[in-house]
Amino acid sequence: GEHYRYLLTKKEKNLFDQGELILHQEEIAGSNNCNAFHPNQYLVNNFS
């Protein structure tokens, strides 16, 4: 969540703040190097 925002690029931070899910290395899904960043708004808009 918010704690990991510092790992994002400036563009990604803007998207994150708008409630967008951010992915790093999506092509290696399931591995420790594939990382998803969930803003609270994404959880509310989608998971709920």
ModelCIF file with pLDDT and N, C-alpha, C, O atoms, coordinates in Angstrom:
data_MODEL
#
_entry.id   MODEL 
#
_entity.id                         1 
_entity.type                       polymer 
_entity.pdbx_number_of_molecules   1 
#
_entity_poly.entity_id                      1 
_entity_poly.type                           'polypeptide(L)' 
_entity_poly.nstd_linkage                   no 
_entity_poly.nstd_monomer                   no 
_entity_poly.pdbx_seq_one_letter_code       GEHYRYLLTKKEKNLFDQGELILHQEEIAGSNNCNAFHPNQYLVNNFS 
_entity_poly.pdbx_seq_one_letter_code_can   GEHYRYLLTKKEKNLFDQGELILHQEEIAGSNNCNAFHPNQYLVNNFS 
_entity_poly.pdbx_strand_id                 A 
#
loop_
_entity_poly_seq.entity_id 
_entity_poly_seq.num 
_entity_poly_seq.mon_id 
_entity_poly_seq.hetero 
1 1  GLY n 
1 2  GLU n 
1 3  HIS n 
1 4  TYR n 
1 5  ARG n 
1 6  TYR n 
1 7  LEU n 
1 8  LEU n 
1 9  THR n 
1 10 LYS n 
1 11 LYS n 
1 12 GLU n 
1 13 LYS n 
1 14 ASN n 
1 15 LEU n 
1 16 PHE n 
1 17 ASP n 
1 18 GLN n 
1 19 GLY n 
1 20 GLU n 
1 21 LEU n 
1 22 ILE n 
1 23 LEU n 
1 24 HIS n 
1 25 GLN n 
1 26 GLU n 
1 27 GLU n 
1 28 ILE n 
1 29 ALA n 
1 30 GLY n 
1 31 SER n 
1 32 ASN n 
1 33 ASN n 
1 34 CYS n 
1 35 ASN n 
1 36 ALA n 
1 37 PHE n 
1 38 HIS n 
1 39 PRO n 
1 40 ASN n 
1 41 GLN n 
1 42 TYR n 
1 43 LEU n 
1 44 VAL n 
1 45 ASN n 
1 46 ASN n 
1 47 PHE n 
1 48 SER n 
#
_struct_asym.id          A 
_struct_asym.entity_id   1 
#
loop_
_ma_qa_metric.id 
_ma_qa_metric.mode 
_ma_qa_metric.name 
_ma_qa_metric.software_group_id 
_ma_qa_metric.type 
1 global pLDDT . pLDDT 
2 local  pLDDT . pLDDT 
#
_ma_qa_metric_global.metric_id      1 
_ma_qa_metric_global.metric_value   95.35 
_ma_qa_metric_global.model_id       1 
_ma_qa_metric_global.ordinal_id     1 
#
loop_
_ma_qa_metric_local.label_asym_id 
_ma_qa_metric_local.label_comp_id 
_ma_qa_metric_local.label_seq_id 
_ma_qa_metric_local.metric_id 
_ma_qa_metric_local.metric_value 
_ma_qa_metric_local.model_id 
_ma_qa_metric_local.ordinal_id 
A GLY 1  2 98.00 1 1  
A GLU 2  2 98.00 1 2  
A HIS 3  2 98.00 1 3  
A TYR 4  2 97.00 1 4  
A ARG 5  2 97.00 1 5  
A TYR 6  2 97.00 1 6  
A LEU 7  2 97.00 1 7  
A LEU 8  2 97.00 1 8  
A THR 9  2 97.00 1 9  
A LYS 10 2 98.00 1 10 
A LYS 11 2 98.00 1 11 
A GLU 12 2 98.00 1 12 
A LYS 13 2 98.00 1 13 
A ASN 14 2 98.00 1 14 
A LEU 15 2 98.00 1 15 
A PHE 16 2 98.00 1 16 
A ASP 17 2 98.00 1 17 
A GLN 18 2 98.00 1 18 
A GLY 19 2 98.00 1 19 
A GLU 20 2 98.00 1 20 
A LEU 21 2 98.00 1 21 
A ILE 22 2 98.00 1 22 
A LEU 23 2 97.00 1 23 
A HIS 24 2 97.00 1 24 
A GLN 25 2 94.00 1 25 
A GLU 26 2 91.00 1 26 
A GLU 27 2 89.00 1 27 
A ILE 28 2 88.00 1 28 
A ALA 29 2 85.00 1 29 
A GLY 30 2 78.00 1 30 
A SER 31 2 81.00 1 31 
A ASN 32 2 81.00 1 32 
A ASN 33 2 85.00 1 33 
A CYS 34 2 93.00 1 34 
A ASN 35 2 95.00 1 35 
A ALA 36 2 97.00 1 36 
A PHE 37 2 98.00 1 37 
A HIS 38 2 98.00 1 38 
A PRO 39 2 98.00 1 39 
A ASN 40 2 98.00 1 40 
A GLN 41 2 98.00 1 41 
A TYR 42 2 98.00 1 42 
A LEU 43 2 98.00 1 43 
A VAL 44 2 98.00 1 44 
A ASN 45 2 98.00 1 45 
A ASN 46 2 98.00 1 46 
A PHE 47 2 98.00 1 47 
A SER 48 2 98.00 1 48 
#
loop_
_atom_site.group_PDB 
_atom_site.id 
_atom_site.type_symbol 
_atom_site.label_atom_id 
_atom_site.label_alt_id 
_atom_site.label_comp_id 
_atom_site.label_asym_id 
_atom_site.label_entity_id 
_atom_site.label_seq_id 
_atom_site.pdbx_PDB_ins_code 
_atom_site.Cartn_x 
_atom_site.Cartn_y 
_atom_site.Cartn_z 
_atom_site.occupancy 
_atom_site.B_iso_or_equiv 
_atom_site.pdbx_formal_charge 
_atom_site.auth_seq_id 
_atom_site.auth_comp_id 
_atom_site.auth_asym_id 
_atom_site.auth_atom_id 
_atom_site.pdbx_PDB_model_num 
ATOM 1   N N  . GLY A 1 1  ? 0.803   -1.210  0.000   1.00 98.00 ? 1  GLY A N  1 
ATOM 2   C CA . GLY A 1 1  ? 0.000   0.000   0.000   1.00 98.00 ? 1  GLY A CA 1 
ATOM 3   C C  . GLY A 1 1  ? 0.841   1.267   0.000   1.00 98.00 ? 1  GLY A C  1 
ATOM 4   O O  . GLY A 1 1  ? 1.889   1.326   -0.642  1.00 98.00 ? 1  GLY A O  1 
ATOM 5   N N  . GLU A 1 2  ? 0.378   2.272   0.719   1.00 98.00 ? 2  GLU A N  1 
ATOM 6   C CA . GLU A 1 2  ? 0.975   3.611   0.713   1.00 98.00 ? 2  GLU A CA 1 
ATOM 7   C C  . GLU A 1 2  ? 2.461   3.597   1.074   1.00 98.00 ? 2  GLU A C  1 
ATOM 8   O O  . GLU A 1 2  ? 3.236   4.385   0.532   1.00 98.00 ? 2  GLU A O  1 
ATOM 9   N N  . HIS A 1 3  ? 2.861   2.711   1.982   1.00 98.00 ? 3  HIS A N  1 
ATOM 10  C CA . HIS A 1 3  ? 4.267   2.671   2.398   1.00 98.00 ? 3  HIS A CA 1 
ATOM 11  C C  . HIS A 1 3  ? 5.215   2.491   1.214   1.00 98.00 ? 3  HIS A C  1 
ATOM 12  O O  . HIS A 1 3  ? 6.315   3.043   1.198   1.00 98.00 ? 3  HIS A O  1 
ATOM 13  N N  . TYR A 1 4  ? 4.775   1.714   0.226   1.00 97.00 ? 4  TYR A N  1 
ATOM 14  C CA . TYR A 1 4  ? 5.649   1.364   -0.905  1.00 97.00 ? 4  TYR A CA 1 
ATOM 15  C C  . TYR A 1 4  ? 5.567   2.361   -2.058  1.00 97.00 ? 4  TYR A C  1 
ATOM 16  O O  . TYR A 1 4  ? 6.138   2.127   -3.124  1.00 97.00 ? 4  TYR A O  1 
ATOM 17  N N  . ARG A 1 5  ? 4.874   3.449   -1.853  1.00 97.00 ? 5  ARG A N  1 
ATOM 18  C CA . ARG A 1 5  ? 4.741   4.465   -2.896  1.00 97.00 ? 5  ARG A CA 1 
ATOM 19  C C  . ARG A 1 5  ? 6.096   5.000   -3.340  1.00 97.00 ? 5  ARG A C  1 
ATOM 20  O O  . ARG A 1 5  ? 6.260   5.405   -4.491  1.00 97.00 ? 5  ARG A O  1 
ATOM 21  N N  . TYR A 1 6  ? 7.074   5.003   -2.424  1.00 97.00 ? 6  TYR A N  1 
ATOM 22  C CA . TYR A 1 6  ? 8.401   5.547   -2.744  1.00 97.00 ? 6  TYR A CA 1 
ATOM 23  C C  . TYR A 1 6  ? 9.126   4.745   -3.834  1.00 97.00 ? 6  TYR A C  1 
ATOM 24  O O  . TYR A 1 6  ? 10.076  5.240   -4.440  1.00 97.00 ? 6  TYR A O  1 
ATOM 25  N N  . LEU A 1 7  ? 8.684   3.527   -4.078  1.00 97.00 ? 7  LEU A N  1 
ATOM 26  C CA . LEU A 1 7  ? 9.314   2.695   -5.108  1.00 97.00 ? 7  LEU A CA 1 
ATOM 27  C C  . LEU A 1 7  ? 8.824   3.023   -6.518  1.00 97.00 ? 7  LEU A C  1 
ATOM 28  O O  . LEU A 1 7  ? 9.353   2.500   -7.499  1.00 97.00 ? 7  LEU A O  1 
ATOM 29  N N  . LEU A 1 8  ? 7.825   3.879   -6.616  1.00 97.00 ? 8  LEU A N  1 
ATOM 30  C CA . LEU A 1 8  ? 7.200   4.167   -7.899  1.00 97.00 ? 8  LEU A CA 1 
ATOM 31  C C  . LEU A 1 8  ? 7.847   5.376   -8.578  1.00 97.00 ? 8  LEU A C  1 
ATOM 32  O O  . LEU A 1 8  ? 8.400   6.259   -7.922  1.00 97.00 ? 8  LEU A O  1 
ATOM 33  N N  . THR A 1 9  ? 7.763   5.390   -9.897  1.00 97.00 ? 9  THR A N  1 
ATOM 34  C CA . THR A 1 9  ? 8.219   6.558   -10.647 1.00 97.00 ? 9  THR A CA 1 
ATOM 35  C C  . THR A 1 9  ? 7.220   7.698   -10.452 1.00 97.00 ? 9  THR A C  1 
ATOM 36  O O  . THR A 1 9  ? 6.130   7.490   -9.919  1.00 97.00 ? 9  THR A O  1 
ATOM 37  N N  . LYS A 1 10 ? 7.589   8.883   -10.880 1.00 98.00 ? 10 LYS A N  1 
ATOM 38  C CA . LYS A 1 10 ? 6.691   10.031  -10.741 1.00 98.00 ? 10 LYS A CA 1 
ATOM 39  C C  . LYS A 1 10 ? 5.363   9.780   -11.449 1.00 98.00 ? 10 LYS A C  1 
ATOM 40  O O  . LYS A 1 10 ? 4.299   10.092  -10.915 1.00 98.00 ? 10 LYS A O  1 
ATOM 41  N N  . LYS A 1 11 ? 5.431   9.221   -12.639 1.00 98.00 ? 11 LYS A N  1 
ATOM 42  C CA . LYS A 1 11 ? 4.212   8.918   -13.388 1.00 98.00 ? 11 LYS A CA 1 
ATOM 43  C C  . LYS A 1 11 ? 3.380   7.874   -12.659 1.00 98.00 ? 11 LYS A C  1 
ATOM 44  O O  . LYS A 1 11 ? 2.158   7.993   -12.566 1.00 98.00 ? 11 LYS A O  1 
ATOM 45  N N  . GLU A 1 12 ? 4.053   6.849   -12.143 1.00 98.00 ? 12 GLU A N  1 
ATOM 46  C CA . GLU A 1 12 ? 3.343   5.791   -11.427 1.00 98.00 ? 12 GLU A CA 1 
ATOM 47  C C  . GLU A 1 12 ? 2.707   6.333   -10.144 1.00 98.00 ? 12 GLU A C  1 
ATOM 48  O O  . GLU A 1 12 ? 1.601   5.932   -9.780  1.00 98.00 ? 12 GLU A O  1 
ATOM 49  N N  . LYS A 1 13 ? 3.396   7.231   -9.470  1.00 98.00 ? 13 LYS A N  1 
ATOM 50  C CA . LYS A 1 13 ? 2.828   7.822   -8.251  1.00 98.00 ? 13 LYS A CA 1 
ATOM 51  C C  . LYS A 1 13 ? 1.534   8.562   -8.557  1.00 98.00 ? 13 LYS A C  1 
ATOM 52  O O  . LYS A 1 13 ? 0.572   8.481   -7.793  1.00 98.00 ? 13 LYS A O  1 
ATOM 53  N N  . ASN A 1 14 ? 1.511   9.277   -9.665  1.00 98.00 ? 14 ASN A N  1 
ATOM 54  C CA . ASN A 1 14 ? 0.293   9.992   -10.056 1.00 98.00 ? 14 ASN A CA 1 
ATOM 55  C C  . ASN A 1 14 ? -0.859  9.026   -10.302 1.00 98.00 ? 14 ASN A C  1 
ATOM 56  O O  . ASN A 1 14 ? -1.990  9.269   -9.881  1.00 98.00 ? 14 ASN A O  1 
ATOM 57  N N  . LEU A 1 15 ? -0.556  7.924   -10.990 1.00 98.00 ? 15 LEU A N  1 
ATOM 58  C CA . LEU A 1 15 ? -1.584  6.912   -11.257 1.00 98.00 ? 15 LEU A CA 1 
ATOM 59  C C  . LEU A 1 15 ? -2.037  6.237   -9.965  1.00 98.00 ? 15 LEU A C  1 
ATOM 60  O O  . LEU A 1 15 ? -3.227  6.003   -9.754  1.00 98.00 ? 15 LEU A O  1 
ATOM 61  N N  . PHE A 1 16 ? -1.068  5.929   -9.108  1.00 98.00 ? 16 PHE A N  1 
ATOM 62  C CA . PHE A 1 16 ? -1.360  5.321   -7.806  1.00 98.00 ? 16 PHE A CA 1 
ATOM 63  C C  . PHE A 1 16 ? -2.294  6.224   -7.011  1.00 98.00 ? 16 PHE A C  1 
ATOM 64  O O  . PHE A 1 16 ? -3.270  5.755   -6.425  1.00 98.00 ? 16 PHE A O  1 
ATOM 65  N N  . ASP A 1 17 ? -1.993  7.519   -6.991  1.00 98.00 ? 17 ASP A N  1 
ATOM 66  C CA . ASP A 1 17 ? -2.812  8.480   -6.244  1.00 98.00 ? 17 ASP A CA 1 
ATOM 67  C C  . ASP A 1 17 ? -4.214  8.607   -6.823  1.00 98.00 ? 17 ASP A C  1 
ATOM 68  O O  . ASP A 1 17 ? -5.140  9.037   -6.135  1.00 98.00 ? 17 ASP A O  1 
ATOM 69  N N  . GLN A 1 18 ? -4.368  8.230   -8.095  1.00 98.00 ? 18 GLN A N  1 
ATOM 70  C CA . GLN A 1 18 ? -5.683  8.258   -8.738  1.00 98.00 ? 18 GLN A CA 1 
ATOM 71  C C  . GLN A 1 18 ? -6.439  6.941   -8.562  1.00 98.00 ? 18 GLN A C  1 
ATOM 72  O O  . GLN A 1 18 ? -7.544  6.775   -9.079  1.00 98.00 ? 18 GLN A O  1 
ATOM 73  N N  . GLY A 1 19 ? -5.828  6.006   -7.822  1.00 98.00 ? 19 GLY A N  1 
ATOM 74  C CA . GLY A 1 19 ? -6.492  4.737   -7.548  1.00 98.00 ? 19 GLY A CA 1 
ATOM 75  C C  . GLY A 1 19 ? -6.171  3.623   -8.514  1.00 98.00 ? 19 GLY A C  1 
ATOM 76  O O  . GLY A 1 19 ? -6.899  2.633   -8.580  1.00 98.00 ? 19 GLY A O  1 
ATOM 77  N N  . GLU A 1 20 ? -5.078  3.767   -9.279  1.00 98.00 ? 20 GLU A N  1 
ATOM 78  C CA . GLU A 1 20 ? -4.693  2.738   -10.243 1.00 98.00 ? 20 GLU A CA 1 
ATOM 79  C C  . GLU A 1 20 ? -3.754  1.704   -9.615  1.00 98.00 ? 20 GLU A C  1 
ATOM 80  O O  . GLU A 1 20 ? -2.865  2.053   -8.838  1.00 98.00 ? 20 GLU A O  1 
ATOM 81  N N  . LEU A 1 21 ? -3.959  0.440   -9.957  1.00 98.00 ? 21 LEU A N  1 
ATOM 82  C CA . LEU A 1 21 ? -3.041  -0.624  -9.562  1.00 98.00 ? 21 LEU A CA 1 
ATOM 83  C C  . LEU A 1 21 ? -1.763  -0.490  -10.386 1.00 98.00 ? 21 LEU A C  1 
ATOM 84  O O  . LEU A 1 21 ? -1.826  -0.342  -11.607 1.00 98.00 ? 21 LEU A O  1 
ATOM 85  N N  . ILE A 1 22 ? -0.609  -0.541  -9.731  1.00 98.00 ? 22 ILE A N  1 
ATOM 86  C CA . ILE A 1 22 ? 0.683   -0.422  -10.421 1.00 98.00 ? 22 ILE A CA 1 
ATOM 87  C C  . ILE A 1 22 ? 1.397   -1.765  -10.383 1.00 98.00 ? 22 ILE A C  1 
ATOM 88  O O  . ILE A 1 22 ? 1.449   -2.415  -9.339  1.00 98.00 ? 22 ILE A O  1 
ATOM 89  N N  . LEU A 1 23 ? 1.944   -2.180  -11.513 1.00 97.00 ? 23 LEU A N  1 
ATOM 90  C CA . LEU A 1 23 ? 2.672   -3.442  -11.611 1.00 97.00 ? 23 LEU A CA 1 
ATOM 91  C C  . LEU A 1 23 ? 4.104   -3.222  -12.046 1.00 97.00 ? 23 LEU A C  1 
ATOM 92  O O  . LEU A 1 23 ? 4.376   -2.416  -12.936 1.00 97.00 ? 23 LEU A O  1 
ATOM 93  N N  . HIS A 1 24 ? 5.025   -3.947  -11.412 1.00 97.00 ? 24 HIS A N  1 
ATOM 94  C CA . HIS A 1 24 ? 6.416   -4.004  -11.843 1.00 97.00 ? 24 HIS A CA 1 
ATOM 95  C C  . HIS A 1 24 ? 6.732   -5.433  -12.262 1.00 97.00 ? 24 HIS A C  1 
ATOM 96  O O  . HIS A 1 24 ? 6.390   -6.379  -11.552 1.00 97.00 ? 24 HIS A O  1 
ATOM 97  N N  . GLN A 1 25 ? 7.371   -5.592  -13.388 1.00 94.00 ? 25 GLN A N  1 
ATOM 98  C CA . GLN A 1 25 ? 7.791   -6.901  -13.924 1.00 94.00 ? 25 GLN A CA 1 
ATOM 99  C C  . GLN A 1 25 ? 6.614   -7.890  -13.957 1.00 94.00 ? 25 GLN A C  1 
ATOM 100 O O  . GLN A 1 25 ? 6.696   -9.008  -13.447 1.00 94.00 ? 25 GLN A O  1 
ATOM 101 N N  . GLU A 1 26 ? 5.548   -7.442  -14.561 1.00 91.00 ? 26 GLU A N  1 
ATOM 102 C CA . GLU A 1 26 ? 4.339   -8.245  -14.660 1.00 91.00 ? 26 GLU A CA 1 
ATOM 103 C C  . GLU A 1 26 ? 4.552   -9.524  -15.456 1.00 91.00 ? 26 GLU A C  1 
ATOM 104 O O  . GLU A 1 26 ? 3.810   -10.494 -15.304 1.00 91.00 ? 26 GLU A O  1 
ATOM 105 N N  . GLU A 1 27 ? 5.570   -9.516  -16.305 1.00 89.00 ? 27 GLU A N  1 
ATOM 106 C CA . GLU A 1 27 ? 5.827   -10.675 -17.168 1.00 89.00 ? 27 GLU A CA 1 
ATOM 107 C C  . GLU A 1 27 ? 6.317   -11.891 -16.391 1.00 89.00 ? 27 GLU A C  1 
ATOM 108 O O  . GLU A 1 27 ? 6.280   -13.007 -16.910 1.00 89.00 ? 27 GLU A O  1 
ATOM 109 N N  . ILE A 1 28 ? 6.782   -11.695 -15.141 1.00 88.00 ? 28 ILE A N  1 
ATOM 110 C CA . ILE A 1 28 ? 7.223   -12.845 -14.337 1.00 88.00 ? 28 ILE A CA 1 
ATOM 111 C C  . ILE A 1 28 ? 6.264   -13.013 -13.153 1.00 88.00 ? 28 ILE A C  1 
ATOM 112 O O  . ILE A 1 28 ? 6.671   -13.075 -11.993 1.00 88.00 ? 28 ILE A O  1 
ATOM 113 N N  . ALA A 1 29 ? 4.999   -13.083 -13.491 1.00 85.00 ? 29 ALA A N  1 
ATOM 114 C CA . ALA A 1 29 ? 3.934   -13.181 -12.486 1.00 85.00 ? 29 ALA A CA 1 
ATOM 115 C C  . ALA A 1 29 ? 4.164   -14.338 -11.529 1.00 85.00 ? 29 ALA A C  1 
ATOM 116 O O  . ALA A 1 29 ? 4.588   -15.424 -11.927 1.00 85.00 ? 29 ALA A O  1 
ATOM 117 N N  . GLY A 1 30 ? 3.873   -14.081 -10.256 1.00 78.00 ? 30 GLY A N  1 
ATOM 118 C CA . GLY A 1 30 ? 3.986   -15.116 -9.237  1.00 78.00 ? 30 GLY A CA 1 
ATOM 119 C C  . GLY A 1 30 ? 5.337   -15.176 -8.559  1.00 78.00 ? 30 GLY A C  1 
ATOM 120 O O  . GLY A 1 30 ? 5.471   -15.817 -7.517  1.00 78.00 ? 30 GLY A O  1 
ATOM 121 N N  . SER A 1 31 ? 6.342   -14.524 -9.122  1.00 81.00 ? 31 SER A N  1 
ATOM 122 C CA . SER A 1 31 ? 7.673   -14.528 -8.512  1.00 81.00 ? 31 SER A CA 1 
ATOM 123 C C  . SER A 1 31 ? 7.813   -13.341 -7.571  1.00 81.00 ? 31 SER A C  1 
ATOM 124 O O  . SER A 1 31 ? 7.008   -12.411 -7.613  1.00 81.00 ? 31 SER A O  1 
ATOM 125 N N  . ASN A 1 32 ? 8.841   -13.376 -6.718  1.00 81.00 ? 32 ASN A N  1 
ATOM 126 C CA . ASN A 1 32 ? 9.073   -12.272 -5.793  1.00 81.00 ? 32 ASN A CA 1 
ATOM 127 C C  . ASN A 1 32 ? 9.435   -10.984 -6.506  1.00 81.00 ? 32 ASN A C  1 
ATOM 128 O O  . ASN A 1 32 ? 9.318   -9.905  -5.925  1.00 81.00 ? 32 ASN A O  1 
ATOM 129 N N  . ASN A 1 33 ? 9.873   -11.075 -7.762  1.00 85.00 ? 33 ASN A N  1 
ATOM 130 C CA . ASN A 1 33 ? 10.283  -9.887  -8.510  1.00 85.00 ? 33 ASN A CA 1 
ATOM 131 C C  . ASN A 1 33 ? 9.123   -9.208  -9.228  1.00 85.00 ? 33 ASN A C  1 
ATOM 132 O O  . ASN A 1 33 ? 9.262   -8.083  -9.708  1.00 85.00 ? 33 ASN A O  1 
ATOM 133 N N  . CYS A 1 34 ? 7.997   -9.877  -9.303  1.00 93.00 ? 34 CYS A N  1 
ATOM 134 C CA . CYS A 1 34 ? 6.777   -9.247  -9.838  1.00 93.00 ? 34 CYS A CA 1 
ATOM 135 C C  . CYS A 1 34 ? 6.066   -8.609  -8.657  1.00 93.00 ? 34 CYS A C  1 
ATOM 136 O O  . CYS A 1 34 ? 5.702   -9.295  -7.701  1.00 93.00 ? 34 CYS A O  1 
ATOM 137 N N  . ASN A 1 35 ? 5.866   -7.299  -8.719  1.00 95.00 ? 35 ASN A N  1 
ATOM 138 C CA . ASN A 1 35 ? 5.278   -6.609  -7.578  1.00 95.00 ? 35 ASN A CA 1 
ATOM 139 C C  . ASN A 1 35 ? 4.076   -5.771  -7.986  1.00 95.00 ? 35 ASN A C  1 
ATOM 140 O O  . ASN A 1 35 ? 4.122   -5.016  -8.957  1.00 95.00 ? 35 ASN A O  1 
ATOM 141 N N  . ALA A 1 36 ? 2.998   -5.921  -7.220  1.00 97.00 ? 36 ALA A N  1 
ATOM 142 C CA . ALA A 1 36 ? 1.785   -5.135  -7.421  1.00 97.00 ? 36 ALA A CA 1 
ATOM 143 C C  . ALA A 1 36 ? 1.634   -4.160  -6.263  1.00 97.00 ? 36 ALA A C  1 
ATOM 144 O O  . ALA A 1 36 ? 1.901   -4.506  -5.112  1.00 97.00 ? 36 ALA A O  1 
ATOM 145 N N  . PHE A 1 37 ? 1.205   -2.935  -6.572  1.00 98.00 ? 37 PHE A N  1 
ATOM 146 C CA . PHE A 1 37 ? 1.044   -1.894  -5.567  1.00 98.00 ? 37 PHE A CA 1 
ATOM 147 C C  . PHE A 1 37 ? -0.426  -1.451  -5.567  1.00 98.00 ? 37 PHE A C  1 
ATOM 148 O O  . PHE A 1 37 ? -0.937  -0.951  -6.569  1.00 98.00 ? 37 PHE A O  1 
ATOM 149 N N  . HIS A 1 38 ? -1.092  -1.644  -4.422  1.00 98.00 ? 38 HIS A N  1 
ATOM 150 C CA . HIS A 1 38 ? -2.533  -1.444  -4.315  1.00 98.00 ? 38 HIS A CA 1 
ATOM 151 C C  . HIS A 1 38 ? -2.864  -0.168  -3.534  1.00 98.00 ? 38 HIS A C  1 
ATOM 152 O O  . HIS A 1 38 ? -2.714  -0.155  -2.312  1.00 98.00 ? 38 HIS A O  1 
ATOM 153 N N  . PRO A 1 39 ? -3.308  0.898   -4.198  1.00 98.00 ? 39 PRO A N  1 
ATOM 154 C CA . PRO A 1 39 ? -3.837  2.041   -3.444  1.00 98.00 ? 39 PRO A CA 1 
ATOM 155 C C  . PRO A 1 39 ? -5.179  1.669   -2.827  1.00 98.00 ? 39 PRO A C  1 
ATOM 156 O O  . PRO A 1 39 ? -5.884  0.802   -3.343  1.00 98.00 ? 39 PRO A O  1 
ATOM 157 N N  . ASN A 1 40 ? -5.527  2.315   -1.736  1.00 98.00 ? 40 ASN A N  1 
ATOM 158 C CA . ASN A 1 40 ? -6.791  2.008   -1.066  1.00 98.00 ? 40 ASN A CA 1 
ATOM 159 C C  . ASN A 1 40 ? -7.983  2.186   -2.003  1.00 98.00 ? 40 ASN A C  1 
ATOM 160 O O  . ASN A 1 40 ? -8.952  1.430   -1.937  1.00 98.00 ? 40 ASN A O  1 
ATOM 161 N N  . GLN A 1 41 ? -7.904  3.184   -2.870  1.00 98.00 ? 41 GLN A N  1 
ATOM 162 C CA . GLN A 1 41 ? -9.023  3.452   -3.761  1.00 98.00 ? 41 GLN A CA 1 
ATOM 163 C C  . GLN A 1 41 ? -9.254  2.311   -4.741  1.00 98.00 ? 41 GLN A C  1 
ATOM 164 O O  . GLN A 1 41 ? -10.391 2.025   -5.119  1.00 98.00 ? 41 GLN A O  1 
ATOM 165 N N  . TYR A 1 42 ? -8.167  1.660   -5.151  1.00 98.00 ? 42 TYR A N  1 
ATOM 166 C CA . TYR A 1 42 ? -8.306  0.504   -6.038  1.00 98.00 ? 42 TYR A CA 1 
ATOM 167 C C  . TYR A 1 42 ? -9.061  -0.618  -5.315  1.00 98.00 ? 42 TYR A C  1 
ATOM 168 O O  . TYR A 1 42 ? -9.934  -1.265  -5.893  1.00 98.00 ? 42 TYR A O  1 
ATOM 169 N N  . LEU A 1 43 ? -8.712  -0.834  -4.050  1.00 98.00 ? 43 LEU A N  1 
ATOM 170 C CA . LEU A 1 43 ? -9.387  -1.877  -3.272  1.00 98.00 ? 43 LEU A CA 1 
ATOM 171 C C  . LEU A 1 43 ? -10.872 -1.569  -3.138  1.00 98.00 ? 43 LEU A C  1 
ATOM 172 O O  . LEU A 1 43 ? -11.714 -2.453  -3.298  1.00 98.00 ? 43 LEU A O  1 
ATOM 173 N N  . VAL A 1 44 ? -11.188 -0.320  -2.846  1.00 98.00 ? 44 VAL A N  1 
ATOM 174 C CA . VAL A 1 44 ? -12.586 0.086   -2.695  1.00 98.00 ? 44 VAL A CA 1 
ATOM 175 C C  . VAL A 1 44 ? -13.341 -0.052  -4.014  1.00 98.00 ? 44 VAL A C  1 
ATOM 176 O O  . VAL A 1 44 ? -14.473 -0.535  -4.039  1.00 98.00 ? 44 VAL A O  1 
ATOM 177 N N  . ASN A 1 45 ? -12.715 0.371   -5.104  1.00 98.00 ? 45 ASN A N  1 
ATOM 178 C CA . ASN A 1 45 ? -13.384 0.366   -6.409  1.00 98.00 ? 45 ASN A CA 1 
ATOM 179 C C  . ASN A 1 45 ? -13.520 -1.026  -7.013  1.00 98.00 ? 45 ASN A C  1 
ATOM 180 O O  . ASN A 1 45 ? -14.417 -1.266  -7.821  1.00 98.00 ? 45 ASN A O  1 
ATOM 181 N N  . ASN A 1 46 ? -12.637 -1.946  -6.628  1.00 98.00 ? 46 ASN A N  1 
ATOM 182 C CA . ASN A 1 46 ? -12.602 -3.251  -7.287  1.00 98.00 ? 46 ASN A CA 1 
ATOM 183 C C  . ASN A 1 46 ? -12.828 -4.424  -6.339  1.00 98.00 ? 46 ASN A C  1 
ATOM 184 O O  . ASN A 1 46 ? -13.727 -5.232  -6.576  1.00 98.00 ? 46 ASN A O  1 
ATOM 185 N N  . PHE A 1 47 ? -12.050 -4.537  -5.289  1.00 98.00 ? 47 PHE A N  1 
ATOM 186 C CA . PHE A 1 47 ? -12.171 -5.675  -4.389  1.00 98.00 ? 47 PHE A CA 1 
ATOM 187 C C  . PHE A 1 47 ? -13.511 -5.673  -3.661  1.00 98.00 ? 47 PHE A C  1 
ATOM 188 O O  . PHE A 1 47 ? -14.111 -6.726  -3.450  1.00 98.00 ? 47 PHE A O  1 
ATOM 189 N N  . SER A 1 48 ? -13.977 -4.481  -3.279  1.00 98.00 ? 48 SER A N  1 
ATOM 190 C CA . SER A 1 48 ? -15.219 -4.406  -2.494  1.00 98.00 ? 48 SER A CA 1 
ATOM 191 C C  . SER A 1 48 ? -16.451 -4.799  -3.299  1.00 98.00 ? 48 SER A C  1 
ATOM 192 O O  . SER A 1 48 ? -17.563 -4.784  -2.771  1.00 98.00 ? 48 SER A O  1 
#
